[in-house]
């Protein structure tokens, strides 16, 4: 049954290409609706930027791939398996592409499981790592966003509606995460109950996979490797701090005087809310949302340019490089 699911993924990967076309269309609409965006202004914005800060933003983007690769390696180790850095990097890039072109990133986890399985990782271990990676991000925003609202609410200048939406989202994500953990620990019992209802050739493989997944997932939850867990926590915080710093560096290039904490805090709230939208990569809405966020931070008339460059370094480049790696891994 597990092998069947893997085959189904490979046969359905063309849906990711359709998602890519949708992303490009929505992004183009979003950039144009955001205003201040055309080829002439894009070139002018580039000319205004200081080369050292641009290079710093580009290097930070590349470092995010390396940080995420290291984090994946730690998760694989905790799940009882290992892969080379280069192989994990390829899987991570393909995973980033899959998340960018599917609604709310829902295609990222199946892609991660599929590509790890193709690299020789046991299916249950690949499922456990993909699940843990997803829950780590949920846990980060569930913890940090309330702290941001509590410590920086006045500085951020958020409306009461945004605050309510953020807190509602945090509560919902926390409940979903806890529910998912509970269900994953009970999956063996669930599979045992469902086994008699499935065809005989599917029932036993389904049950065996469920048992193996529970064992791999339990190993991750009760891992007794404090150094690995500390590294995992630090890499997660470092990743998101770097991700939100890219926009701040580009804003400095265009005359921004906003502090790092305010810029990062606003981005965290907006990014969290956008991740709840059923759009691939939040495309369209993300461009307009960040246009409003950056409007009072840079030289008048250049907020749209900042959004274009920021989205290129944090999103579009994943479509280009990640898409090429995705295609190569699928066709291999």
Protein backbone atom coordinates (compact mmCIF):
# COMPACT_ATOMS: atom_id res chain seq x y z
CA UNK A 1 0.00 0.00 0.00
CA UNK A 2 2.85 2.39 0.86
CA UNK A 3 4.52 1.69 -2.47
CA UNK A 4 1.21 2.40 -4.17
CA UNK A 5 1.03 5.82 -2.56
CA UNK A 6 4.57 6.57 -3.72
CA UNK A 7 3.65 5.65 -7.29
CA UNK A 8 0.51 7.82 -7.06
CA UNK A 9 2.66 10.79 -6.07
CA UNK A 10 4.98 10.37 -9.04
CA UNK A 11 2.07 10.04 -11.45
CA UNK A 12 0.44 13.17 -10.00
CA UNK A 13 3.48 15.45 -9.91
CA UNK A 14 2.14 17.37 -12.93
CA UNK A 15 -0.25 19.06 -10.50
CA UNK A 16 2.77 20.85 -9.06
CA UNK A 17 3.49 22.31 -12.50
CA UNK A 18 -0.09 23.59 -12.72
CA UNK A 19 0.44 25.13 -9.29
CA UNK A 20 3.55 26.87 -10.61
CA UNK A 21 1.56 28.49 -13.42
CA UNK A 22 -1.05 29.66 -10.91
CA UNK A 23 1.66 31.12 -8.65
CA UNK A 24 3.21 33.08 -11.52
CA UNK A 25 -0.17 34.48 -12.55
CA UNK A 26 -1.20 35.47 -9.02
CA UNK A 27 2.23 36.97 -8.30
CA UNK A 28 2.11 39.08 -11.45
CA UNK A 29 -1.37 40.33 -10.53
CA UNK A 30 -0.30 41.00 -6.95
CA UNK A 31 2.77 43.01 -7.95
CA UNK A 32 0.78 45.13 -10.38
CA UNK A 33 -2.09 45.72 -7.96
CA UNK A 34 0.42 46.63 -5.25
CA UNK A 35 1.53 49.59 -7.37
CA UNK A 36 4.96 51.24 -7.73
CA UNK A 37 6.05 48.31 -9.88
CA UNK A 38 7.36 48.41 -13.44
CA UNK A 39 10.61 47.53 -15.17
CA UNK A 40 11.93 51.11 -15.07
CA UNK A 41 11.34 51.45 -11.32
CA UNK A 42 12.80 48.00 -10.75
CA UNK A 43 16.05 49.09 -12.40
CA UNK A 44 16.02 52.40 -10.53
CA UNK A 45 15.47 50.58 -7.25
CA UNK A 46 18.43 48.32 -7.99
CA UNK A 47 20.61 51.38 -8.71
CA UNK A 48 19.65 52.93 -5.37
CA UNK A 49 20.76 49.86 -3.42
CA UNK A 50 24.18 49.53 -1.80
CA UNK A 51 26.02 46.50 -3.13
CA UNK A 52 27.23 45.23 0.29
CA UNK A 53 23.70 45.05 1.67
CA UNK A 54 22.42 43.36 -1.49
CA UNK A 55 25.22 40.80 -1.28
CA UNK A 56 24.40 40.30 2.40
CA UNK A 57 20.74 39.62 1.59
CA UNK A 58 21.73 37.13 -1.15
CA UNK A 59 24.18 35.33 1.14
CA UNK A 60 21.52 35.20 3.84
CA UNK A 61 19.13 33.57 1.37
CA UNK A 62 21.72 30.90 0.52
CA UNK A 63 22.46 30.35 4.21
CA UNK A 64 18.78 29.57 4.83
CA UNK A 65 19.07 26.54 2.53
CA UNK A 66 22.11 25.35 4.47
CA UNK A 67 20.44 25.92 7.85
CA UNK A 68 17.32 24.03 6.77
CA UNK A 69 19.48 21.19 5.43
CA UNK A 70 21.28 20.90 8.77
CA UNK A 71 17.95 20.90 10.58
CA UNK A 72 16.69 18.09 8.36
CA UNK A 73 19.85 16.11 9.06
CA UNK A 74 19.29 16.46 12.81
CA UNK A 75 15.70 15.22 12.43
CA UNK A 76 16.85 12.27 10.34
CA UNK A 77 19.41 11.39 12.99
CA UNK A 78 16.79 11.51 15.73
CA UNK A 79 14.60 9.25 13.58
CA UNK A 80 17.43 6.71 13.42
CA UNK A 81 18.70 7.28 9.87
CA UNK A 82 21.30 9.35 8.04
CA UNK A 83 21.76 10.96 4.62
CA UNK A 84 24.62 12.96 3.13
CA UNK A 85 24.42 16.75 3.28
CA UNK A 86 24.18 17.04 -0.51
CA UNK A 87 21.27 14.59 -0.77
CA UNK A 88 19.36 16.33 2.02
CA UNK A 89 20.03 19.69 0.35
CA UNK A 90 18.51 18.44 -2.91
CA UNK A 91 15.46 17.10 -1.10
CA UNK A 92 15.11 20.36 0.80
CA UNK A 93 15.16 22.45 -2.39
CA UNK A 94 12.57 20.20 -4.05
CA UNK A 95 10.49 20.37 -0.86
CA UNK A 96 10.63 24.20 -0.90
CA UNK A 97 9.35 24.23 -4.48
CA UNK A 98 6.51 21.83 -3.66
CA UNK A 99 5.41 23.98 -0.71
CA UNK A 100 5.52 27.15 -2.80
CA UNK A 101 3.19 25.93 -5.55
CA UNK A 102 0.48 24.18 -3.52
CA UNK A 103 -2.35 25.77 -1.49
CA UNK A 104 -1.19 26.55 2.07
CA UNK A 105 1.92 24.45 1.32
CA UNK A 106 -0.09 21.23 1.57
CA UNK A 107 1.97 19.52 -1.13
CA UNK A 108 5.26 20.03 0.71
CA UNK A 109 4.96 17.19 3.24
CA UNK A 110 4.01 14.47 0.69
CA UNK A 111 6.88 15.65 -1.52
CA UNK A 112 9.32 15.50 1.39
CA UNK A 113 8.24 11.95 2.25
CA UNK A 114 8.46 10.88 -1.38
CA UNK A 115 11.94 12.26 -2.03
CA UNK A 116 13.38 10.96 1.23
CA UNK A 117 11.92 7.54 0.41
CA UNK A 118 13.56 7.74 -3.03
CA UNK A 119 16.88 8.47 -1.31
CA UNK A 120 16.66 5.26 0.69
CA UNK A 121 15.06 6.49 3.91
CA UNK A 122 12.49 4.08 5.34
CA UNK A 123 8.96 5.25 4.67
CA UNK A 124 8.00 5.45 8.33
CA UNK A 125 11.14 7.46 9.16
CA UNK A 126 10.50 9.82 6.24
CA UNK A 127 6.91 10.34 7.43
CA UNK A 128 8.09 11.01 10.99
CA UNK A 129 10.70 13.56 9.86
CA UNK A 130 8.22 15.35 7.58
CA UNK A 131 5.67 15.47 10.40
CA UNK A 132 8.23 16.76 12.92
CA UNK A 133 9.42 19.45 10.51
CA UNK A 134 5.85 20.70 10.03
CA UNK A 135 5.13 20.70 13.77
CA UNK A 136 8.38 22.57 14.51
CA UNK A 137 7.24 25.50 12.37
CA UNK A 138 3.79 25.43 13.94
CA UNK A 139 5.31 25.37 17.42
CA UNK A 140 7.67 28.26 16.63
CA UNK A 141 4.90 30.60 15.51
CA UNK A 142 2.53 29.44 18.26
CA UNK A 143 5.13 30.45 20.88
CA UNK A 144 6.79 33.50 19.30
CA UNK A 145 3.77 35.36 17.87
CA UNK A 146 2.04 35.86 21.27
CA UNK A 147 5.39 37.09 22.65
CA UNK A 148 5.70 39.55 19.76
CA UNK A 149 2.18 40.85 20.39
CA UNK A 150 2.82 41.17 24.12
CA UNK A 151 6.22 42.86 23.89
CA UNK A 152 5.88 44.94 20.71
CA UNK A 153 2.17 45.62 20.29
CA UNK A 154 2.50 49.43 20.50
CA UNK A 155 5.62 49.58 18.33
CA UNK A 156 4.07 47.38 15.63
CA UNK A 157 0.95 49.53 15.35
CA UNK A 158 -1.32 46.58 14.62
CA UNK A 159 -5.07 47.03 14.40
CA UNK A 160 -7.33 45.20 16.91
CA UNK A 161 -8.59 43.01 14.06
CA UNK A 162 -5.08 41.83 13.16
CA UNK A 163 -4.35 41.09 16.82
CA UNK A 164 -7.56 39.05 17.15
CA UNK A 165 -6.88 37.14 13.92
CA UNK A 166 -3.33 36.36 15.04
CA UNK A 167 -4.40 35.10 18.48
CA UNK A 168 -7.20 33.06 16.92
CA UNK A 169 -4.72 31.55 14.47
CA UNK A 170 -2.25 30.76 17.26
CA UNK A 171 -4.92 28.99 19.30
CA UNK A 172 -6.13 27.05 16.25
CA UNK A 173 -2.60 26.01 15.24
CA UNK A 174 -1.80 24.94 18.81
CA UNK A 175 -4.92 22.79 19.02
CA UNK A 176 -4.25 21.26 15.61
CA UNK A 177 -0.67 20.47 16.58
CA UNK A 178 -1.66 18.84 19.86
CA UNK A 179 -4.43 16.91 18.13
CA UNK A 180 -2.05 15.72 15.45
CA UNK A 181 0.48 14.53 18.03
CA UNK A 182 -2.24 12.66 19.91
CA UNK A 183 -3.58 11.02 16.73
CA UNK A 184 -0.09 10.04 15.57
CA UNK A 185 0.57 8.31 18.89
CA UNK A 186 -2.74 6.48 18.60
CA UNK A 187 -2.32 5.57 14.95
CA UNK A 188 -1.56 1.94 15.76
CA UNK A 189 -4.94 1.54 17.48
CA UNK A 190 -6.68 3.40 14.66
CA UNK A 191 -5.03 1.16 12.07
CA UNK A 192 -6.02 -1.93 14.09
CA UNK A 193 -9.67 -0.81 14.01
CA UNK A 194 -9.57 0.00 10.30
CA UNK A 195 -7.67 -3.11 9.26
CA UNK A 196 -10.76 -5.42 9.08
CA UNK A 197 -12.56 -2.83 6.91
CA UNK A 198 -9.84 -2.77 4.25
CA UNK A 199 -9.24 -5.33 1.49
CA UNK A 200 -7.01 -8.15 2.69
CA UNK A 201 -4.07 -7.16 0.47
CA UNK A 202 -4.12 -3.62 1.93
CA UNK A 203 -5.08 -4.26 5.54
CA UNK A 204 -1.88 -5.85 6.85
CA UNK A 205 0.55 -3.52 4.97
CA UNK A 206 -1.45 -0.52 6.23
CA UNK A 207 -1.25 -1.79 9.80
CA UNK A 208 2.47 -2.58 9.54
CA UNK A 209 3.21 0.90 8.16
CA UNK A 210 1.17 2.51 10.94
CA UNK A 211 3.09 0.57 13.60
CA UNK A 212 6.44 1.51 12.05
CA UNK A 213 5.43 5.17 11.82
CA UNK A 214 4.35 5.22 15.45
CA UNK A 215 7.67 3.72 16.51
CA UNK A 216 9.67 6.25 14.47
CA UNK A 217 7.50 9.13 15.69
CA UNK A 218 7.79 8.01 19.31
CA UNK A 219 11.57 7.85 18.92
CA UNK A 220 11.55 11.49 17.82
CA UNK A 221 9.30 12.64 20.67
CA UNK A 222 11.29 10.97 23.43
CA UNK A 223 14.74 11.43 21.90
CA UNK A 224 17.39 11.40 24.61
CA UNK A 225 19.97 13.43 22.74
CA UNK A 226 19.98 16.84 24.44
CA UNK A 227 22.65 18.27 22.15
CA UNK A 228 20.65 17.32 19.05
CA UNK A 229 17.47 18.82 20.51
CA UNK A 230 19.30 22.02 21.44
CA UNK A 231 20.76 22.20 17.92
CA UNK A 232 17.29 21.67 16.45
CA UNK A 233 15.84 24.53 18.50
CA UNK A 234 18.71 26.90 17.67
CA UNK A 235 18.57 26.08 13.95
CA UNK A 236 14.81 26.72 13.90
CA UNK A 237 15.20 30.13 15.56
CA UNK A 238 18.18 30.99 13.37
CA UNK A 239 16.29 30.05 10.20
CA UNK A 240 13.30 32.29 10.87
CA UNK A 241 15.42 35.17 12.19
CA UNK A 242 17.45 35.04 8.96
CA UNK A 243 14.35 34.73 6.79
CA UNK A 244 12.77 37.89 8.20
CA UNK A 245 16.06 39.80 8.22
CA UNK A 246 16.29 39.68 4.41
CA UNK A 247 13.45 42.19 4.04
CA UNK A 248 15.04 44.49 6.62
CA UNK A 249 18.39 44.52 4.77
CA UNK A 250 16.68 45.35 1.47
CA UNK A 251 14.62 48.06 3.19
CA UNK A 252 17.80 49.65 4.55
CA UNK A 253 19.05 49.86 0.98
CA UNK A 254 16.00 51.94 0.03
CA UNK A 255 16.26 54.43 2.86
CA UNK A 256 14.36 52.69 5.65
CA UNK A 257 14.86 53.87 9.22
CA UNK A 258 12.65 51.22 10.83
CA UNK A 259 14.23 49.11 13.58
CA UNK A 260 15.05 45.42 13.09
CA UNK A 261 12.66 44.29 15.85
CA UNK A 262 9.68 46.18 14.40
CA UNK A 263 10.38 45.05 10.83
CA UNK A 264 10.80 41.41 11.86
CA UNK A 265 7.80 41.53 14.22
CA UNK A 266 5.46 42.86 11.52
CA UNK A 267 6.71 40.31 9.00
CA UNK A 268 6.19 37.44 11.45
CA UNK A 269 2.56 38.38 12.03
CA UNK A 270 1.83 38.90 8.33
CA UNK A 271 3.65 35.72 7.26
CA UNK A 272 1.75 33.69 9.84
CA UNK A 273 -1.62 35.02 8.65
CA UNK A 274 -0.71 34.50 4.99
CA UNK A 275 0.26 30.88 5.68
CA UNK A 276 -3.35 30.22 6.66
CA UNK A 277 -4.66 31.29 3.25
CA UNK A 278 -5.56 28.55 0.72
CA UNK A 279 -3.29 30.07 -1.92
CA UNK A 280 0.03 28.65 -3.16
CA UNK A 281 2.71 30.67 -1.38
CA UNK A 282 0.09 33.29 -0.50
CA UNK A 283 0.74 34.60 -4.03
CA UNK A 284 -1.08 37.78 -4.95
CA UNK A 285 -2.19 38.54 -1.40
CA UNK A 286 1.42 38.36 -0.15
CA UNK A 287 2.60 40.99 -2.62
CA UNK A 288 -0.18 43.40 -1.65
CA UNK A 289 0.17 42.65 2.07
CA UNK A 290 3.90 43.29 2.11
CA UNK A 291 3.38 46.41 -0.02
CA UNK A 292 1.28 47.80 2.83
CA UNK A 293 3.84 46.63 5.40
CA UNK A 294 6.79 48.30 3.63
CA UNK A 295 4.89 51.43 2.50
CA UNK A 296 6.00 53.65 5.40
CA UNK A 297 9.46 52.15 5.73
CA UNK A 298 11.15 53.17 2.48
CA UNK A 299 11.46 56.06 0.06
CA UNK A 300 7.97 56.98 -1.25
CA UNK A 301 7.19 55.16 -4.48
CA UNK A 302 9.61 52.28 -3.93
CA UNK A 303 7.63 49.94 -1.66
CA UNK A 304 6.53 47.87 -4.66
CA UNK A 305 10.16 47.51 -5.77
CA UNK A 306 11.15 46.35 -2.28
CA UNK A 307 8.36 43.75 -2.36
CA UNK A 308 9.53 42.48 -5.76
CA UNK A 309 13.14 42.04 -4.63
CA UNK A 310 12.12 40.60 -1.27
CA UNK A 311 9.78 38.05 -2.88
CA UNK A 312 12.50 37.14 -5.36
CA UNK A 313 15.00 36.27 -2.61
CA UNK A 314 12.54 34.53 -0.29
CA UNK A 315 10.10 32.93 -2.74
CA UNK A 316 10.73 33.17 -6.49
CA UNK A 317 14.28 31.86 -6.24
CA UNK A 318 12.86 28.74 -4.60
CA UNK A 319 10.59 28.35 -7.61
CA UNK A 320 13.56 28.56 -9.99
CA UNK A 321 16.25 26.51 -8.25
CA UNK A 322 13.85 24.29 -6.30
CA UNK A 323 11.81 23.66 -9.43
CA UNK A 324 14.88 22.50 -11.37
CA UNK A 325 15.90 20.15 -8.55
CA UNK A 326 12.32 18.92 -8.19
CA UNK A 327 12.13 18.10 -11.90
CA UNK A 328 15.53 16.37 -11.81
CA UNK A 329 14.64 14.20 -8.80
CA UNK A 330 11.29 13.22 -10.27
CA UNK A 331 12.82 12.29 -13.61
CA UNK A 332 15.80 10.41 -12.11
